[in-house]
C-alpha atoms as a PDB file:
ATOM      1  CA  MET A   1      72.884 -44.332  96.232  1.00  0.00           C
ATOM      2  CA  ALA A   2      69.980 -46.408  97.578  1.00  0.00           C
ATOM      3  CA  GLY A   3      66.747 -44.483  97.060  1.00  0.00           C
ATOM      4  CA  ARG A   4      68.313 -41.851  94.812  1.00  0.00           C
ATOM      5  CA  GLN A   5      66.346 -40.978  91.748  1.00  0.00           C
ATOM      6  CA  VAL A   6      68.138 -39.744  88.603  1.00  0.00           C
ATOM      7  CA  ALA A   7      66.387 -38.477  85.457  1.00  0.00           C
ATOM      8  CA  VAL A   8      67.680 -40.343  82.433  1.00  0.00           C
ATOM      9  CA  THR A   9      67.239 -40.490  78.695  1.00  0.00           C
ATOM     10  CA  ALA A  10      67.175 -43.883  77.021  1.00  0.00           C
ATOM     11  CA  GLN A  11      69.168 -44.365  73.783  1.00  0.00           C
ATOM     12  CA  GLN A  12      69.103 -47.607  71.764  1.00  0.00           C
ATOM     13  CA  LEU A  13      72.525 -48.522  70.468  1.00  0.00           C
ATOM     14  CA  HIS A  14      73.199 -49.620  66.881  1.00  0.00           C
ATOM     15  CA  GLY A  15      75.992 -50.874  64.779  1.00  0.00           C
ATOM     16  CA  PRO A  16      79.529 -51.095  66.120  1.00  0.00           C
ATOM     17  CA  GLU A  17      78.590 -49.152  69.286  1.00  0.00           C
ATOM     18  CA  ARG A  18      75.887 -51.811  70.035  1.00  0.00           C
ATOM     19  CA  ASP A  19      78.324 -54.672  69.208  1.00  0.00           C
ATOM     20  CA  GLU A  20      80.943 -53.360  71.673  1.00  0.00           C
ATOM     21  CA  ALA A  21      78.375 -52.834  74.413  1.00  0.00           C
ATOM     22  CA  TRP A  22      76.924 -56.308  73.777  1.00  0.00           C
ATOM     23  CA  ARG A  23      80.417 -57.789  74.041  1.00  0.00           C
ATOM     24  CA  GLN A  24      80.901 -56.110  77.391  1.00  0.00           C
ATOM     25  CA  ILE A  25      77.442 -57.275  78.611  1.00  0.00           C
ATOM     26  CA  THR A  26      77.948 -60.925  77.649  1.00  0.00           C
ATOM     27  CA  THR A  27      81.464 -60.953  79.117  1.00  0.00           C
ATOM     28  CA  ALA A  28      80.052 -59.764  82.485  1.00  0.00           C
ATOM     29  CA  ALA A  29      76.839 -61.844  82.267  1.00  0.00           C
ATOM     30  CA  PRO A  30      77.213 -64.874  79.915  1.00  0.00           C
ATOM     31  CA  ARG A  31      73.559 -65.794  80.432  1.00  0.00           C
ATOM     32  CA  PHE A  32      72.597 -63.010  78.067  1.00  0.00           C
ATOM     33  CA  ALA A  33      74.569 -64.632  75.281  1.00  0.00           C
ATOM     34  CA  GLN A  34      72.711 -67.908  75.938  1.00  0.00           C
ATOM     35  CA  TYR A  35      69.392 -66.051  75.679  1.00  0.00           C
ATOM     36  CA  GLU A  36      70.390 -64.453  72.388  1.00  0.00           C
ATOM     37  CA  ARG A  37      71.190 -67.871  70.896  1.00  0.00           C
ATOM     38  CA  LYS A  38      67.554 -68.898  71.664  1.00  0.00           C
ATOM     39  CA  THR A  39      66.015 -66.202  69.513  1.00  0.00           C
ATOM     40  CA  ASP A  40      66.266 -65.208  65.887  1.00  0.00           C
ATOM     41  CA  ARG A  41      66.182 -61.484  66.588  1.00  0.00           C
ATOM     42  CA  GLU A  42      68.826 -59.072  67.665  1.00  0.00           C
ATOM     43  CA  LEU A  43      68.282 -58.032  71.301  1.00  0.00           C
ATOM     44  CA  PRO A  44      68.185 -54.297  71.852  1.00  0.00           C
ATOM     45  CA  VAL A  45      70.887 -52.650  73.908  1.00  0.00           C
ATOM     46  CA  ILE A  46      69.755 -49.510  75.697  1.00  0.00           C
ATOM     47  CA  ARG A  47      72.067 -46.908  77.209  1.00  0.00           C
ATOM     48  CA  LEU A  48      70.729 -44.725  80.005  1.00  0.00           C
ATOM     49  CA  VAL A  49      72.254 -41.228  80.063  1.00  0.00           C
ATOM     50  CA  ALA A  50      71.757 -39.047  83.114  1.00  0.00           C
ATOM     51  CA  GLN A  51      70.129 -35.722  82.298  1.00  0.00           C
ATOM     52  CA  GLY A  52      71.714 -32.467  83.371  1.00  0.00           C
END
């Protein structure tokens, strides 16, 4: 897919949906969990949904 462009819509996740996505992210990339511990805010999780 190198060089392929896809139109997307960004959706910020909230609540249980965000929690589950965050769990998957930090399982795959533990550094994100380390970063979250360094801040007092909840990091946004954004889902990109292909249009059409």
